[in-house]
């Protein structure tokens, strides 16, 4: 199992020791999802670190209190999927679906205690990952509120340029 993509991604955020990489080589699991497959919310609870190696995923939030209101966000390959759980299941419904066949690499929850205990840098890495994800989500929401539709489309296409250029 080649984990270089995820290690390169993590290294950009915070230095990862060779010991942590060796542990992750053993702990990381691969999951294949078919095109148009729903990914259950429990999957994100059981796997707090989810890296999209290949494919495209759509996360959609549909308002239950305000039917017809929804929010859609796409995740492209070589990115982390935010593990955001539903706080109020009466307010909205969150669904995560594959747009095409996807390969995900995850760090299962059962390893989290050991990672925090054995690798001091894991604390900082996770803190920075969460900070980066929050910044991405805030930027996404801000742009939804203040940008016109054409500008949002341009930004979406720009963010996925490397995805569309990659050979299949």
N, C-alpha and C. Protein backbone atom coordinates (compact mmCIF):
# COMPACT_ATOMS: atom_id res chain seq x y z
N UNK A 1 0.85 -1.18 0.00
CA UNK A 1 0.00 0.00 0.00
C UNK A 1 0.90 1.24 0.00
N UNK A 2 0.85 2.05 -1.04
CA UNK A 2 1.66 3.24 -1.15
C UNK A 2 0.92 4.42 -0.52
N UNK A 3 1.52 4.98 0.51
CA UNK A 3 0.88 6.07 1.24
C UNK A 3 1.57 7.41 1.01
N UNK A 4 2.40 7.51 -0.01
CA UNK A 4 3.16 8.74 -0.24
C UNK A 4 2.27 9.95 -0.45
N UNK A 5 1.15 9.81 -1.13
CA UNK A 5 0.26 10.95 -1.36
C UNK A 5 -0.22 11.55 -0.05
N UNK A 6 -0.68 10.70 0.84
CA UNK A 6 -1.18 11.21 2.12
C UNK A 6 -0.05 11.78 2.96
N UNK A 7 1.13 11.17 2.93
CA UNK A 7 2.25 11.70 3.69
C UNK A 7 2.68 13.07 3.15
N UNK A 8 2.73 13.22 1.84
CA UNK A 8 3.06 14.52 1.24
C UNK A 8 2.05 15.57 1.64
N UNK A 9 0.78 15.19 1.64
CA UNK A 9 -0.28 16.12 2.05
C UNK A 9 -0.07 16.55 3.50
N UNK A 10 0.16 15.58 4.39
CA UNK A 10 0.33 15.88 5.80
C UNK A 10 1.60 16.68 6.07
N UNK A 11 2.68 16.39 5.33
CA UNK A 11 3.95 17.11 5.50
C UNK A 11 3.80 18.60 5.20
N UNK A 12 2.90 18.96 4.31
CA UNK A 12 2.66 20.38 4.00
C UNK A 12 2.02 21.09 5.18
N UNK A 13 1.39 20.34 6.04
CA UNK A 13 0.68 20.92 7.18
C UNK A 13 1.56 20.94 8.43
N UNK A 14 2.25 19.83 8.67
CA UNK A 14 3.10 19.73 9.86
C UNK A 14 4.08 18.58 9.64
N UNK A 15 5.34 18.73 10.10
CA UNK A 15 6.32 17.65 9.90
C UNK A 15 5.86 16.33 10.54
N UNK A 16 5.98 15.26 9.78
CA UNK A 16 5.57 13.94 10.24
C UNK A 16 6.82 13.09 10.40
N UNK A 17 6.99 12.51 11.58
CA UNK A 17 8.20 11.71 11.85
C UNK A 17 8.12 10.38 11.11
N UNK A 18 9.29 9.78 10.92
CA UNK A 18 9.33 8.48 10.26
C UNK A 18 8.62 7.42 11.10
N UNK A 19 8.65 7.58 12.42
CA UNK A 19 7.94 6.65 13.30
C UNK A 19 6.43 6.72 13.10
N UNK A 20 5.91 7.93 12.99
CA UNK A 20 4.48 8.11 12.75
C UNK A 20 4.10 7.54 11.39
N UNK A 21 4.93 7.78 10.38
CA UNK A 21 4.64 7.22 9.06
C UNK A 21 4.65 5.70 9.08
N UNK A 22 5.59 5.12 9.82
CA UNK A 22 5.65 3.65 9.92
C UNK A 22 4.39 3.11 10.61
N UNK A 23 3.95 3.78 11.66
CA UNK A 23 2.72 3.36 12.34
C UNK A 23 1.53 3.48 11.37
N UNK A 24 1.47 4.58 10.65
CA UNK A 24 0.37 4.80 9.72
C UNK A 24 0.38 3.77 8.59
N UNK A 25 1.56 3.34 8.16
CA UNK A 25 1.64 2.31 7.12
C UNK A 25 0.87 1.06 7.53
N UNK A 26 0.92 0.75 8.81
CA UNK A 26 0.22 -0.42 9.32
C UNK A 26 -1.26 -0.10 9.57
N UNK A 27 -1.53 1.09 10.07
CA UNK A 27 -2.89 1.43 10.52
C UNK A 27 -3.83 1.87 9.40
N UNK A 28 -3.31 2.51 8.36
CA UNK A 28 -4.19 3.03 7.30
C UNK A 28 -4.95 1.90 6.60
N UNK A 29 -6.21 2.15 6.35
CA UNK A 29 -7.06 1.19 5.65
C UNK A 29 -7.55 1.82 4.35
N UNK A 30 -7.74 0.98 3.33
CA UNK A 30 -8.28 1.42 2.05
C UNK A 30 -9.74 1.01 1.93
N UNK A 31 -10.53 1.90 1.38
CA UNK A 31 -11.93 1.61 1.10
C UNK A 31 -12.25 2.06 -0.32
N UNK A 32 -12.84 1.16 -1.09
CA UNK A 32 -13.30 1.50 -2.44
C UNK A 32 -14.81 1.69 -2.39
N UNK A 33 -15.27 2.75 -3.02
CA UNK A 33 -16.69 3.01 -3.14
C UNK A 33 -17.03 3.13 -4.62
N UNK A 34 -18.12 2.54 -5.01
CA UNK A 34 -18.57 2.59 -6.40
C UNK A 34 -19.16 3.96 -6.72
N UNK A 35 -19.35 4.23 -7.99
CA UNK A 35 -19.97 5.46 -8.46
C UNK A 35 -21.39 5.56 -7.88
N UNK A 36 -21.75 6.77 -7.46
CA UNK A 36 -23.08 7.09 -6.91
C UNK A 36 -23.41 6.30 -5.65
N UNK A 37 -22.40 5.95 -4.87
CA UNK A 37 -22.63 5.21 -3.63
C UNK A 37 -22.70 6.18 -2.45
N UNK A 38 -23.67 5.96 -1.60
CA UNK A 38 -23.82 6.75 -0.38
C UNK A 38 -22.80 6.26 0.65
N UNK A 39 -22.12 7.20 1.30
CA UNK A 39 -21.19 6.85 2.37
C UNK A 39 -21.89 7.19 3.68
N UNK A 40 -22.11 6.18 4.48
CA UNK A 40 -22.85 6.36 5.74
C UNK A 40 -22.09 7.30 6.68
N UNK A 41 -22.83 8.04 7.47
CA UNK A 41 -22.22 8.97 8.43
C UNK A 41 -21.37 8.22 9.46
N UNK A 42 -21.75 6.99 9.78
CA UNK A 42 -20.97 6.19 10.73
C UNK A 42 -19.54 5.97 10.24
N UNK A 43 -19.36 5.95 8.93
CA UNK A 43 -18.03 5.77 8.35
C UNK A 43 -17.09 6.86 8.85
N UNK A 44 -17.58 8.11 8.92
CA UNK A 44 -16.74 9.23 9.35
C UNK A 44 -16.53 9.22 10.86
N UNK A 45 -17.46 8.67 11.60
CA UNK A 45 -17.30 8.52 13.05
C UNK A 45 -16.23 7.47 13.33
N UNK A 46 -16.27 6.37 12.59
CA UNK A 46 -15.31 5.27 12.79
C UNK A 46 -13.93 5.56 12.21
N UNK A 47 -13.83 6.56 11.35
CA UNK A 47 -12.58 6.91 10.68
C UNK A 47 -12.38 8.42 10.74
N UNK A 48 -11.78 8.93 11.81
CA UNK A 48 -11.68 10.39 11.97
C UNK A 48 -10.75 11.08 10.96
N UNK A 49 -9.86 10.33 10.32
CA UNK A 49 -8.99 10.91 9.30
C UNK A 49 -9.30 10.18 7.99
N UNK A 50 -9.88 10.91 7.02
CA UNK A 50 -10.28 10.31 5.75
C UNK A 50 -9.63 11.12 4.62
N UNK A 51 -8.83 10.44 3.82
CA UNK A 51 -8.11 11.06 2.71
C UNK A 51 -8.65 10.50 1.40
N UNK A 52 -9.04 11.38 0.50
CA UNK A 52 -9.57 10.99 -0.81
C UNK A 52 -8.41 10.86 -1.78
N UNK A 53 -8.04 9.63 -2.09
CA UNK A 53 -6.91 9.35 -2.98
C UNK A 53 -7.32 9.54 -4.43
N UNK A 54 -8.49 9.04 -4.77
CA UNK A 54 -8.94 9.04 -6.16
C UNK A 54 -10.45 9.22 -6.19
N UNK A 55 -10.93 10.04 -7.14
CA UNK A 55 -12.36 10.21 -7.33
C UNK A 55 -12.86 11.58 -6.87
N UNK A 56 -14.18 11.72 -6.87
CA UNK A 56 -14.84 12.96 -6.47
C UNK A 56 -16.01 12.60 -5.58
N UNK A 57 -16.17 13.39 -4.54
CA UNK A 57 -17.25 13.16 -3.57
C UNK A 57 -18.07 14.43 -3.43
N UNK A 58 -19.37 14.23 -3.27
CA UNK A 58 -20.29 15.36 -3.06
C UNK A 58 -20.90 15.22 -1.67
N UNK A 59 -20.81 16.30 -0.89
CA UNK A 59 -21.49 16.36 0.40
C UNK A 59 -22.62 17.36 0.24
N UNK A 60 -23.82 16.93 0.61
CA UNK A 60 -24.99 17.78 0.49
C UNK A 60 -25.71 17.86 1.82
N UNK A 61 -26.09 19.08 2.17
CA UNK A 61 -26.87 19.31 3.38
C UNK A 61 -28.22 19.84 2.94
N UNK A 62 -29.28 19.12 3.33
CA UNK A 62 -30.65 19.52 2.99
C UNK A 62 -31.36 19.97 4.25
N UNK A 63 -31.97 21.16 4.19
CA UNK A 63 -32.70 21.69 5.33
C UNK A 63 -33.98 20.91 5.57
N UNK A 64 -34.21 20.50 6.81
CA UNK A 64 -35.45 19.83 7.17
C UNK A 64 -36.47 20.83 7.70
N UNK A 65 -35.99 21.85 8.40
CA UNK A 65 -36.88 22.89 8.90
C UNK A 65 -37.29 23.84 7.78
N UNK A 66 -36.41 23.97 6.80
CA UNK A 66 -36.69 24.80 5.63
C UNK A 66 -36.51 23.96 4.37
N UNK A 67 -37.52 23.16 4.03
CA UNK A 67 -37.40 22.29 2.85
C UNK A 67 -37.07 23.10 1.59
N UNK A 68 -36.26 22.51 0.75
CA UNK A 68 -35.84 23.18 -0.49
C UNK A 68 -34.53 23.92 -0.34
N UNK A 69 -34.08 24.17 0.89
CA UNK A 69 -32.80 24.82 1.13
C UNK A 69 -31.72 23.74 1.24
N UNK A 70 -30.68 23.90 0.44
CA UNK A 70 -29.60 22.92 0.52
C UNK A 70 -28.26 23.57 0.18
N UNK A 71 -27.21 22.87 0.57
CA UNK A 71 -25.85 23.31 0.34
C UNK A 71 -25.07 22.12 -0.19
N UNK A 72 -24.29 22.35 -1.25
CA UNK A 72 -23.52 21.27 -1.87
C UNK A 72 -22.05 21.66 -1.87
N UNK A 73 -21.19 20.70 -1.51
CA UNK A 73 -19.75 20.93 -1.56
C UNK A 73 -19.10 19.71 -2.18
N UNK A 74 -18.16 19.93 -3.09
CA UNK A 74 -17.44 18.85 -3.75
C UNK A 74 -16.05 18.71 -3.15
N UNK A 75 -15.59 17.47 -3.05
CA UNK A 75 -14.23 17.16 -2.62
C UNK A 75 -13.56 16.42 -3.76
N UNK A 76 -12.36 16.85 -4.12
CA UNK A 76 -11.63 16.25 -5.22
C UNK A 76 -10.47 15.42 -4.68
N UNK A 77 -9.90 14.60 -5.55
CA UNK A 77 -8.82 13.71 -5.11
C UNK A 77 -7.67 14.50 -4.51
N UNK A 78 -6.90 13.78 -3.68
CA UNK A 78 -5.77 14.35 -2.95
C UNK A 78 -6.20 15.43 -1.97
N UNK A 79 -7.27 15.14 -1.24
CA UNK A 79 -7.74 16.05 -0.21
C UNK A 79 -8.30 15.27 0.97
N UNK A 80 -8.35 15.94 2.10
CA UNK A 80 -8.95 15.35 3.29
C UNK A 80 -10.43 15.69 3.32
N UNK A 81 -11.22 14.74 3.77
CA UNK A 81 -12.65 14.99 3.92
C UNK A 81 -12.91 15.43 5.35
N UNK A 82 -13.57 16.55 5.53
CA UNK A 82 -13.87 16.98 6.89
C UNK A 82 -14.81 16.01 7.58
N UNK A 83 -14.48 15.60 8.76
CA UNK A 83 -15.32 14.69 9.53
C UNK A 83 -16.29 15.46 10.39
N UNK A 84 -17.25 16.10 9.77
CA UNK A 84 -18.20 16.93 10.49
C UNK A 84 -19.48 16.14 10.70
N UNK A 85 -19.81 15.92 11.95
CA UNK A 85 -21.03 15.18 12.27
C UNK A 85 -22.22 16.11 12.39
N UNK A 86 -23.39 15.53 12.33
CA UNK A 86 -24.62 16.31 12.46
C UNK A 86 -24.85 16.63 13.93
N UNK A 87 -25.10 17.91 14.22
CA UNK A 87 -25.39 18.31 15.59
C UNK A 87 -26.88 18.19 15.89
N UNK A 88 -27.71 18.54 14.94
CA UNK A 88 -29.15 18.50 15.14
C UNK A 88 -29.79 17.82 13.93
N UNK A 89 -30.12 16.56 14.06
CA UNK A 89 -30.67 15.80 12.94
C UNK A 89 -32.09 16.24 12.59
N UNK A 90 -32.70 17.09 13.42
CA UNK A 90 -34.02 17.64 13.09
C UNK A 90 -33.91 18.88 12.22
N UNK A 91 -32.72 19.46 12.15
CA UNK A 91 -32.51 20.70 11.41
C UNK A 91 -32.12 20.45 9.96
N UNK A 92 -31.25 19.49 9.72
CA UNK A 92 -30.78 19.22 8.37
C UNK A 92 -30.39 17.76 8.24
N UNK A 93 -30.27 17.34 6.98
CA UNK A 93 -29.83 15.98 6.66
C UNK A 93 -28.57 16.09 5.82
N UNK A 94 -27.50 15.45 6.28
CA UNK A 94 -26.22 15.48 5.56
C UNK A 94 -26.04 14.16 4.85
N UNK A 95 -25.74 14.21 3.55
CA UNK A 95 -25.46 13.00 2.79
C UNK A 95 -24.13 13.19 2.05
N UNK A 96 -23.36 12.13 2.03
CA UNK A 96 -22.09 12.12 1.31
C UNK A 96 -22.16 11.01 0.28
N UNK A 97 -21.97 11.40 -0.99
CA UNK A 97 -22.14 10.47 -2.10
C UNK A 97 -20.94 10.57 -3.03
N UNK A 98 -20.55 9.43 -3.59
CA UNK A 98 -19.47 9.44 -4.57
C UNK A 98 -20.04 9.86 -5.93
N UNK A 99 -19.30 10.68 -6.64
CA UNK A 99 -19.68 11.09 -7.99
C UNK A 99 -19.17 10.06 -9.00
N UNK A 100 -18.03 9.48 -8.67
CA UNK A 100 -17.42 8.42 -9.47
C UNK A 100 -16.80 7.44 -8.49
N UNK A 101 -16.27 6.35 -8.98
CA UNK A 101 -15.62 5.39 -8.09
C UNK A 101 -14.51 6.09 -7.32
N UNK A 102 -14.42 5.81 -6.02
CA UNK A 102 -13.48 6.52 -5.16
C UNK A 102 -12.66 5.55 -4.32
N UNK A 103 -11.41 5.95 -4.11
CA UNK A 103 -10.53 5.25 -3.19
C UNK A 103 -10.27 6.18 -2.02
N UNK A 104 -10.60 5.71 -0.81
CA UNK A 104 -10.35 6.47 0.40
C UNK A 104 -9.35 5.72 1.26
N UNK A 105 -8.44 6.46 1.87
CA UNK A 105 -7.55 5.90 2.88
C UNK A 105 -7.93 6.54 4.20
N UNK A 106 -8.09 5.69 5.21
CA UNK A 106 -8.55 6.20 6.49
C UNK A 106 -7.66 5.73 7.63
N UNK A 107 -7.70 6.48 8.68
CA UNK A 107 -7.05 6.11 9.92
C UNK A 107 -8.17 5.77 10.90
N UNK A 108 -8.39 4.50 11.17
CA UNK A 108 -9.51 4.10 12.02
C UNK A 108 -9.42 4.66 13.44
N UNK A 109 -10.56 4.89 14.02
CA UNK A 109 -10.69 5.45 15.36
C UNK A 109 -9.94 4.63 16.41
N UNK A 110 -9.90 3.32 16.23
CA UNK A 110 -9.26 2.46 17.23
C UNK A 110 -7.77 2.77 17.41
N UNK A 111 -7.15 3.47 16.46
CA UNK A 111 -5.72 3.81 16.56
C UNK A 111 -5.49 5.18 17.18
N UNK A 112 -6.53 5.95 17.33
CA UNK A 112 -6.34 7.34 17.76
C UNK A 112 -5.68 7.46 19.13
N UNK A 113 -6.05 6.64 20.09
CA UNK A 113 -5.45 6.71 21.43
C UNK A 113 -3.94 6.48 21.35
N UNK A 114 -3.53 5.44 20.64
CA UNK A 114 -2.10 5.15 20.50
C UNK A 114 -1.36 6.27 19.78
N UNK A 115 -1.98 6.84 18.76
CA UNK A 115 -1.32 7.91 18.01
C UNK A 115 -1.07 9.12 18.91
N UNK A 116 -2.05 9.49 19.71
CA UNK A 116 -1.87 10.62 20.62
C UNK A 116 -0.85 10.29 21.71
N UNK A 117 -0.85 9.06 22.17
CA UNK A 117 0.03 8.65 23.26
C UNK A 117 1.48 8.49 22.81
N UNK A 118 1.70 7.90 21.62
CA UNK A 118 3.05 7.56 21.18
C UNK A 118 3.75 8.64 20.37
N UNK A 119 2.99 9.52 19.73
CA UNK A 119 3.60 10.48 18.80
C UNK A 119 3.20 11.90 19.17
N UNK A 120 4.10 12.62 19.84
CA UNK A 120 3.77 13.99 20.28
C UNK A 120 3.36 14.91 19.12
N UNK A 121 3.94 14.69 17.94
CA UNK A 121 3.60 15.57 16.82
C UNK A 121 2.19 15.35 16.30
N UNK A 122 1.60 14.21 16.63
CA UNK A 122 0.24 13.92 16.17
C UNK A 122 -0.76 14.94 16.72
N UNK A 123 -0.54 15.42 17.94
CA UNK A 123 -1.40 16.45 18.52
C UNK A 123 -1.40 17.71 17.65
N UNK A 124 -0.20 18.16 17.32
CA UNK A 124 -0.07 19.37 16.51
C UNK A 124 -0.59 19.17 15.09
N UNK A 125 -0.32 18.01 14.53
CA UNK A 125 -0.80 17.70 13.19
C UNK A 125 -2.32 17.78 13.13
N UNK A 126 -2.98 17.11 14.08
CA UNK A 126 -4.45 17.11 14.08
C UNK A 126 -5.00 18.51 14.33
N UNK A 127 -4.36 19.26 15.20
CA UNK A 127 -4.80 20.63 15.46
C UNK A 127 -4.72 21.47 14.18
N UNK A 128 -3.60 21.35 13.48
CA UNK A 128 -3.44 22.13 12.24
C UNK A 128 -4.38 21.64 11.13
N UNK A 129 -4.61 20.33 11.05
CA UNK A 129 -5.57 19.81 10.07
C UNK A 129 -6.95 20.40 10.32
N UNK A 130 -7.37 20.40 11.57
CA UNK A 130 -8.69 20.95 11.89
C UNK A 130 -8.75 22.44 11.62
N UNK A 131 -7.69 23.17 11.92
CA UNK A 131 -7.66 24.60 11.63
C UNK A 131 -7.77 24.85 10.12
N UNK A 132 -7.03 24.07 9.32
CA UNK A 132 -7.08 24.21 7.87
C UNK A 132 -8.47 23.89 7.33
N UNK A 133 -9.07 22.82 7.85
CA UNK A 133 -10.40 22.45 7.38
C UNK A 133 -11.42 23.52 7.74
N UNK A 134 -11.32 24.07 8.93
CA UNK A 134 -12.26 25.14 9.32
C UNK A 134 -12.07 26.37 8.44
N UNK A 135 -10.82 26.71 8.15
CA UNK A 135 -10.56 27.86 7.28
C UNK A 135 -11.16 27.63 5.89
N UNK A 136 -11.00 26.41 5.35
CA UNK A 136 -11.58 26.09 4.05
C UNK A 136 -13.10 26.20 4.08
N UNK A 137 -13.71 25.69 5.13
CA UNK A 137 -15.18 25.73 5.23
C UNK A 137 -15.67 27.17 5.39
N UNK A 138 -14.99 27.97 6.22
CA UNK A 138 -15.40 29.37 6.38
C UNK A 138 -15.26 30.13 5.06
N UNK A 139 -14.18 29.90 4.34
CA UNK A 139 -13.99 30.55 3.05
C UNK A 139 -15.10 30.13 2.08
N UNK A 140 -15.39 28.85 2.06
CA UNK A 140 -16.46 28.32 1.20
C UNK A 140 -17.79 29.00 1.52
N UNK A 141 -18.14 29.07 2.79
CA UNK A 141 -19.41 29.69 3.20
C UNK A 141 -19.43 31.19 2.90
N UNK A 142 -18.33 31.86 3.16
CA UNK A 142 -18.24 33.29 2.89
C UNK A 142 -18.44 33.56 1.40
N UNK A 143 -17.77 32.75 0.56
CA UNK A 143 -17.89 32.92 -0.89
C UNK A 143 -19.30 32.62 -1.37
N UNK A 144 -19.96 31.67 -0.76
CA UNK A 144 -21.35 31.39 -1.13
C UNK A 144 -22.23 32.60 -0.87
N UNK A 145 -21.97 33.26 0.21
CA UNK A 145 -22.81 34.37 0.62
C UNK A 145 -22.59 35.61 -0.24
N UNK A 146 -21.34 35.86 -0.63
CA UNK A 146 -21.02 37.15 -1.24
C UNK A 146 -20.62 37.09 -2.71
N UNK A 147 -20.43 35.91 -3.27
CA UNK A 147 -20.04 35.84 -4.68
C UNK A 147 -21.24 35.52 -5.55
N UNK A 148 -21.21 36.03 -6.76
CA UNK A 148 -22.23 35.71 -7.74
C UNK A 148 -22.03 34.27 -8.23
N UNK A 149 -23.05 33.69 -8.82
CA UNK A 149 -23.01 32.32 -9.31
C UNK A 149 -21.87 32.06 -10.28
N UNK A 150 -21.64 33.00 -11.21
CA UNK A 150 -20.56 32.81 -12.19
C UNK A 150 -19.20 32.75 -11.52
N UNK A 151 -18.99 33.59 -10.50
CA UNK A 151 -17.71 33.59 -9.80
C UNK A 151 -17.53 32.29 -9.01
N UNK A 152 -18.60 31.78 -8.40
CA UNK A 152 -18.51 30.51 -7.66
C UNK A 152 -18.15 29.37 -8.61
N UNK A 153 -18.75 29.36 -9.81
CA UNK A 153 -18.43 28.34 -10.80
C UNK A 153 -16.97 28.43 -11.22
N UNK A 154 -16.49 29.63 -11.46
CA UNK A 154 -15.09 29.83 -11.83
C UNK A 154 -14.17 29.31 -10.74
N UNK A 155 -14.49 29.61 -9.49
CA UNK A 155 -13.67 29.14 -8.36
C UNK A 155 -13.70 27.62 -8.25
N UNK A 156 -14.86 27.01 -8.47
CA UNK A 156 -14.98 25.56 -8.43
C UNK A 156 -14.11 24.93 -9.51
N UNK A 157 -14.18 25.47 -10.71
CA UNK A 157 -13.36 24.94 -11.80
C UNK A 157 -11.88 25.12 -11.52
N UNK A 158 -11.52 26.26 -10.96
CA UNK A 158 -10.12 26.52 -10.63
C UNK A 158 -9.63 25.54 -9.56
N UNK A 159 -10.46 25.26 -8.56
CA UNK A 159 -10.03 24.36 -7.48
C UNK A 159 -9.89 22.93 -7.96
N UNK A 160 -10.55 22.60 -9.05
CA UNK A 160 -10.49 21.23 -9.55
C UNK A 160 -9.64 21.08 -10.79
N UNK A 161 -8.87 22.11 -11.15
CA UNK A 161 -8.06 22.06 -12.36
C UNK A 161 -7.15 20.85 -12.41
N UNK A 162 -6.45 20.58 -11.33
CA UNK A 162 -5.52 19.46 -11.34
C UNK A 162 -6.27 18.14 -11.48
N UNK A 163 -7.48 18.10 -10.97
CA UNK A 163 -8.28 16.88 -11.09
C UNK A 163 -8.63 16.64 -12.56
N UNK A 164 -9.09 17.67 -13.25
CA UNK A 164 -9.51 17.51 -14.63
C UNK A 164 -8.34 17.26 -15.58
N UNK A 165 -7.14 17.70 -15.18
CA UNK A 165 -5.95 17.49 -16.02
C UNK A 165 -5.33 16.11 -15.84
N UNK A 166 -5.63 15.48 -14.70
CA UNK A 166 -4.95 14.20 -14.43
C UNK A 166 -5.42 13.12 -15.39
N UNK A 167 -4.47 12.31 -15.88
CA UNK A 167 -4.83 11.25 -16.83
C UNK A 167 -5.62 10.15 -16.13
N UNK A 168 -6.53 9.58 -16.83
CA UNK A 168 -7.37 8.50 -16.29
C UNK A 168 -7.04 7.20 -16.97
